[in-house]
């Protein structure tokens, strides 16, 4: 009988549990630290992985960065395969111009931390091109709309 794993990812951070000397995706609801929304299922010959968006109050800085998991000897092969399948991502950016001013945001984390950018970011795995820019931009617009002078 195939085993089911829960792949929880938030903005490139992945939740894993340690079993012995190896890191795995949680395989039981009791191992999952939060509520989550299933997005899609990744079928594998031996098991299945449910890719899900965790419902969190804040960014999980203490989770693993997905780009660092590939090739680690202490990470289970099923984790490496699933993470590898989810790596192709696109960035979504939008130019919002009002009264001759361009909305810019300063990145709070990631490789562009501290750098001014157009609103946007990485598109989530499973999102479609038409929805990715609008979701990211609206989130940035809401936080920036309270700024003085815009």
C-alpha atoms as a PDB file:
ATOM      1  CA  UNK A   1       0.000   0.000   0.000  1.00  0.00           C
ATOM      2  CA  UNK A   2       1.494   3.382  -1.012  1.00  0.00           C
ATOM      3  CA  UNK A   3       2.376   5.788   1.769  1.00  0.00           C
ATOM      4  CA  UNK A   4       1.004   9.351   1.748  1.00  0.00           C
ATOM      5  CA  UNK A   5       3.258  12.288   2.605  1.00  0.00           C
ATOM      6  CA  UNK A   6       2.312  15.934   3.176  1.00  0.00           C
ATOM      7  CA  UNK A   7       4.557  18.443   1.417  1.00  0.00           C
ATOM      8  CA  UNK A   8       3.975  21.765   3.189  1.00  0.00           C
ATOM      9  CA  UNK A   9       5.659  24.716   1.501  1.00  0.00           C
ATOM     10  CA  UNK A  10       5.363  28.419   2.189  1.00  0.00           C
ATOM     11  CA  UNK A  11       7.361  30.873   0.073  1.00  0.00           C
ATOM     12  CA  UNK A  12      10.166  28.385  -0.543  1.00  0.00           C
ATOM     13  CA  UNK A  13      10.290  27.081   3.037  1.00  0.00           C
ATOM     14  CA  UNK A  14       9.516  23.357   3.501  1.00  0.00           C
ATOM     15  CA  UNK A  15       8.376  21.606   6.671  1.00  0.00           C
ATOM     16  CA  UNK A  16      10.135  18.276   7.409  1.00  0.00           C
ATOM     17  CA  UNK A  17      10.206  15.862  10.338  1.00  0.00           C
ATOM     18  CA  UNK A  18      13.236  13.877  11.469  1.00  0.00           C
ATOM     19  CA  UNK A  19      12.897  10.095  11.665  1.00  0.00           C
ATOM     20  CA  UNK A  20      16.107   8.542  12.887  1.00  0.00           C
ATOM     21  CA  UNK A  21      18.879  10.342  11.009  1.00  0.00           C
ATOM     22  CA  UNK A  22      16.741  11.237   7.976  1.00  0.00           C
ATOM     23  CA  UNK A  23      14.427  14.172   7.234  1.00  0.00           C
ATOM     24  CA  UNK A  24      11.010  13.301   5.717  1.00  0.00           C
ATOM     25  CA  UNK A  25       7.744  14.985   4.856  1.00  0.00           C
ATOM     26  CA  UNK A  26       5.142  14.354   7.569  1.00  0.00           C
ATOM     27  CA  UNK A  27       3.168  11.188   6.861  1.00  0.00           C
ATOM     28  CA  UNK A  28       0.505  11.559   9.565  1.00  0.00           C
ATOM     29  CA  UNK A  29      -1.789  14.485  10.364  1.00  0.00           C
ATOM     30  CA  UNK A  30      -0.429  14.452  13.915  1.00  0.00           C
ATOM     31  CA  UNK A  31       3.015  15.380  12.523  1.00  0.00           C
ATOM     32  CA  UNK A  32       1.707  18.446  10.666  1.00  0.00           C
ATOM     33  CA  UNK A  33       2.186  21.650  12.734  1.00  0.00           C
ATOM     34  CA  UNK A  34      -0.694  23.674  11.252  1.00  0.00           C
ATOM     35  CA  UNK A  35      -3.835  23.612   9.147  1.00  0.00           C
ATOM     36  CA  UNK A  36      -3.225  23.347   5.412  1.00  0.00           C
ATOM     37  CA  UNK A  37      -4.948  23.530   2.037  1.00  0.00           C
ATOM     38  CA  UNK A  38      -4.167  20.649  -0.379  1.00  0.00           C
ATOM     39  CA  UNK A  39      -3.232  21.957  -3.835  1.00  0.00           C
ATOM     40  CA  UNK A  40      -2.458  18.840  -5.882  1.00  0.00           C
ATOM     41  CA  UNK A  41      -1.142  15.291  -5.580  1.00  0.00           C
ATOM     42  CA  UNK A  42       2.231  14.175  -6.903  1.00  0.00           C
ATOM     43  CA  UNK A  43       2.012  10.485  -7.793  1.00  0.00           C
ATOM     44  CA  UNK A  44       5.195   8.460  -7.478  1.00  0.00           C
ATOM     45  CA  UNK A  45       5.647   4.764  -8.261  1.00  0.00           C
ATOM     46  CA  UNK A  46       6.191   3.920  -4.597  1.00  0.00           C
ATOM     47  CA  UNK A  47       4.192   6.615  -2.743  1.00  0.00           C
ATOM     48  CA  UNK A  48       2.143   9.763  -3.189  1.00  0.00           C
ATOM     49  CA  UNK A  49       2.873  13.273  -2.004  1.00  0.00           C
ATOM     50  CA  UNK A  50       0.147  15.823  -1.327  1.00  0.00           C
ATOM     51  CA  UNK A  51       1.509  19.293  -2.050  1.00  0.00           C
ATOM     52  CA  UNK A  52      -0.229  21.717   0.318  1.00  0.00           C
ATOM     53  CA  UNK A  53      -0.194  25.357   1.346  1.00  0.00           C
ATOM     54  CA  UNK A  54       0.127  25.720   5.115  1.00  0.00           C
ATOM     55  CA  UNK A  55      -2.137  28.227   6.844  1.00  0.00           C
ATOM     56  CA  UNK A  56       0.281  30.262   8.958  1.00  0.00           C
ATOM     57  CA  UNK A  57       0.244  33.538  10.871  1.00  0.00           C
ATOM     58  CA  UNK A  58       3.846  34.351   9.910  1.00  0.00           C
ATOM     59  CA  UNK A  59       6.640  33.254   7.590  1.00  0.00           C
ATOM     60  CA  UNK A  60       8.250  29.955   8.720  1.00  0.00           C
ATOM     61  CA  UNK A  61      11.894  31.091   8.753  1.00  0.00           C
ATOM     62  CA  UNK A  62      12.844  27.991  10.788  1.00  0.00           C
ATOM     63  CA  UNK A  63      11.691  25.551   8.065  1.00  0.00           C
ATOM     64  CA  UNK A  64      14.107  24.211   5.445  1.00  0.00           C
ATOM     65  CA  UNK A  65      14.819  26.315   2.347  1.00  0.00           C
ATOM     66  CA  UNK A  66      13.717  24.089  -0.552  1.00  0.00           C
ATOM     67  CA  UNK A  67      16.737  24.927  -2.719  1.00  0.00           C
ATOM     68  CA  UNK A  68      19.034  23.507  -0.021  1.00  0.00           C
ATOM     69  CA  UNK A  69      17.366  20.072   0.156  1.00  0.00           C
ATOM     70  CA  UNK A  70      18.478  18.557  -3.162  1.00  0.00           C
ATOM     71  CA  UNK A  71      21.514  16.319  -2.756  1.00  0.00           C
ATOM     72  CA  UNK A  72      21.591  16.295   1.036  1.00  0.00           C
ATOM     73  CA  UNK A  73      22.384  12.769   2.293  1.00  0.00           C
ATOM     74  CA  UNK A  74      20.183  13.258   5.383  1.00  0.00           C
ATOM     75  CA  UNK A  75      17.045  14.060   3.321  1.00  0.00           C
ATOM     76  CA  UNK A  76      14.809  11.176   2.197  1.00  0.00           C
ATOM     77  CA  UNK A  77      14.745  10.395  -1.554  1.00  0.00           C
ATOM     78  CA  UNK A  78      10.955  10.982  -1.728  1.00  0.00           C
ATOM     79  CA  UNK A  79      11.509  14.518  -0.402  1.00  0.00           C
ATOM     80  CA  UNK A  80      14.254  15.219  -2.930  1.00  0.00           C
ATOM     81  CA  UNK A  81      12.133  13.909  -5.818  1.00  0.00           C
ATOM     82  CA  UNK A  82       9.068  15.942  -4.813  1.00  0.00           C
ATOM     83  CA  UNK A  83      11.081  19.130  -4.221  1.00  0.00           C
ATOM     84  CA  UNK A  84      12.800  18.665  -7.574  1.00  0.00           C
ATOM     85  CA  UNK A  85       9.394  18.418  -9.290  1.00  0.00           C
ATOM     86  CA  UNK A  86       8.278  21.652  -7.674  1.00  0.00           C
ATOM     87  CA  UNK A  87      11.409  23.730  -8.442  1.00  0.00           C
ATOM     88  CA  UNK A  88      10.467  25.221 -11.841  1.00  0.00           C
ATOM     89  CA  UNK A  89       8.935  28.533 -10.797  1.00  0.00           C
ATOM     90  CA  UNK A  90       8.309  31.849 -12.424  1.00  0.00           C
ATOM     91  CA  UNK A  91       8.396  35.334 -10.984  1.00  0.00           C
ATOM     92  CA  UNK A  92       5.435  37.665 -11.309  1.00  0.00           C
ATOM     93  CA  UNK A  93       5.967  41.455 -11.304  1.00  0.00           C
ATOM     94  CA  UNK A  94       3.558  44.291 -12.012  1.00  0.00           C
ATOM     95  CA  UNK A  95       4.169  47.992 -12.587  1.00  0.00           C
ATOM     96  CA  UNK A  96       1.599  50.068 -10.695  1.00  0.00           C
ATOM     97  CA  UNK A  97       1.758  53.715 -11.753  1.00  0.00           C
ATOM     98  CA  UNK A  98      -0.426  56.425 -10.242  1.00  0.00           C
ATOM     99  CA  UNK A  99      -0.052  60.178 -10.796  1.00  0.00           C
ATOM    100  CA  UNK A 100       3.387  59.624 -12.306  1.00  0.00           C
ATOM    101  CA  UNK A 101       4.667  57.634  -9.336  1.00  0.00           C
ATOM    102  CA  UNK A 102       5.720  53.979  -9.506  1.00  0.00           C
ATOM    103  CA  UNK A 103       4.990  51.691  -6.566  1.00  0.00           C
ATOM    104  CA  UNK A 104       8.165  49.983  -5.344  1.00  0.00           C
ATOM    105  CA  UNK A 105       8.578  47.587  -2.422  1.00  0.00           C
ATOM    106  CA  UNK A 106      11.669  46.613  -0.445  1.00  0.00           C
ATOM    107  CA  UNK A 107      12.147  42.838  -0.139  1.00  0.00           C
ATOM    108  CA  UNK A 108      11.990  41.631   3.475  1.00  0.00           C
ATOM    109  CA  UNK A 109      13.613  38.236   2.847  1.00  0.00           C
ATOM    110  CA  UNK A 110      15.195  35.997   0.252  1.00  0.00           C
ATOM    111  CA  UNK A 111      18.031  36.712  -2.148  1.00  0.00           C
ATOM    112  CA  UNK A 112      16.725  40.231  -2.864  1.00  0.00           C
ATOM    113  CA  UNK A 113      16.370  41.187   0.827  1.00  0.00           C
ATOM    114  CA  UNK A 114      16.724  44.950   1.278  1.00  0.00           C
ATOM    115  CA  UNK A 115      16.533  45.695  -2.461  1.00  0.00           C
ATOM    116  CA  UNK A 116      13.788  47.837  -3.998  1.00  0.00           C
ATOM    117  CA  UNK A 117      11.658  45.963  -6.553  1.00  0.00           C
ATOM    118  CA  UNK A 118       8.401  46.164  -8.424  1.00  0.00           C
ATOM    119  CA  UNK A 119       5.644  44.418  -6.436  1.00  0.00           C
ATOM    120  CA  UNK A 120       5.479  40.687  -7.004  1.00  0.00           C
ATOM    121  CA  UNK A 121       7.571  37.658  -6.303  1.00  0.00           C
ATOM    122  CA  UNK A 122       7.805  33.971  -7.015  1.00  0.00           C
ATOM    123  CA  UNK A 123       4.656  32.384  -8.359  1.00  0.00           C
ATOM    124  CA  UNK A 124       3.442  29.536  -6.200  1.00  0.00           C
ATOM    125  CA  UNK A 125       3.605  26.004  -7.567  1.00  0.00           C
ATOM    126  CA  UNK A 126       0.277  25.267  -9.233  1.00  0.00           C
ATOM    127  CA  UNK A 127      -0.671  28.926  -9.885  1.00  0.00           C
ATOM    128  CA  UNK A 128      -1.518  30.045 -13.396  1.00  0.00           C
ATOM    129  CA  UNK A 129       0.113  32.995 -15.214  1.00  0.00           C
ATOM    130  CA  UNK A 130      -3.009  35.230 -15.193  1.00  0.00           C
ATOM    131  CA  UNK A 131      -3.585  34.881 -11.418  1.00  0.00           C
ATOM    132  CA  UNK A 132      -0.010  35.011 -10.098  1.00  0.00           C
ATOM    133  CA  UNK A 133       0.782  38.706 -10.768  1.00  0.00           C
ATOM    134  CA  UNK A 134      -2.580  39.957  -9.525  1.00  0.00           C
ATOM    135  CA  UNK A 135      -2.424  38.015  -6.238  1.00  0.00           C
ATOM    136  CA  UNK A 136       1.153  39.099  -5.466  1.00  0.00           C
ATOM    137  CA  UNK A 137       0.563  42.710  -6.499  1.00  0.00           C
ATOM    138  CA  UNK A 138      -2.657  43.049  -4.545  1.00  0.00           C
ATOM    139  CA  UNK A 139      -0.889  41.837  -1.392  1.00  0.00           C
ATOM    140  CA  UNK A 140       1.867  44.443  -1.937  1.00  0.00           C
ATOM    141  CA  UNK A 141      -0.637  47.166  -2.853  1.00  0.00           C
ATOM    142  CA  UNK A 142      -2.622  46.605   0.359  1.00  0.00           C
ATOM    143  CA  UNK A 143       0.482  46.996   2.535  1.00  0.00           C
ATOM    144  CA  UNK A 144       1.819  49.969   0.556  1.00  0.00           C
ATOM    145  CA  UNK A 145      -1.489  51.824   0.194  1.00  0.00           C
ATOM    146  CA  UNK A 146      -1.094  53.218   3.695  1.00  0.00           C
ATOM    147  CA  UNK A 147       2.239  54.827   2.774  1.00  0.00           C
ATOM    148  CA  UNK A 148       2.382  58.602   2.919  1.00  0.00           C
ATOM    149  CA  UNK A 149       2.571  60.359  -0.417  1.00  0.00           C
ATOM    150  CA  UNK A 150       1.265  57.602  -2.643  1.00  0.00           C
END
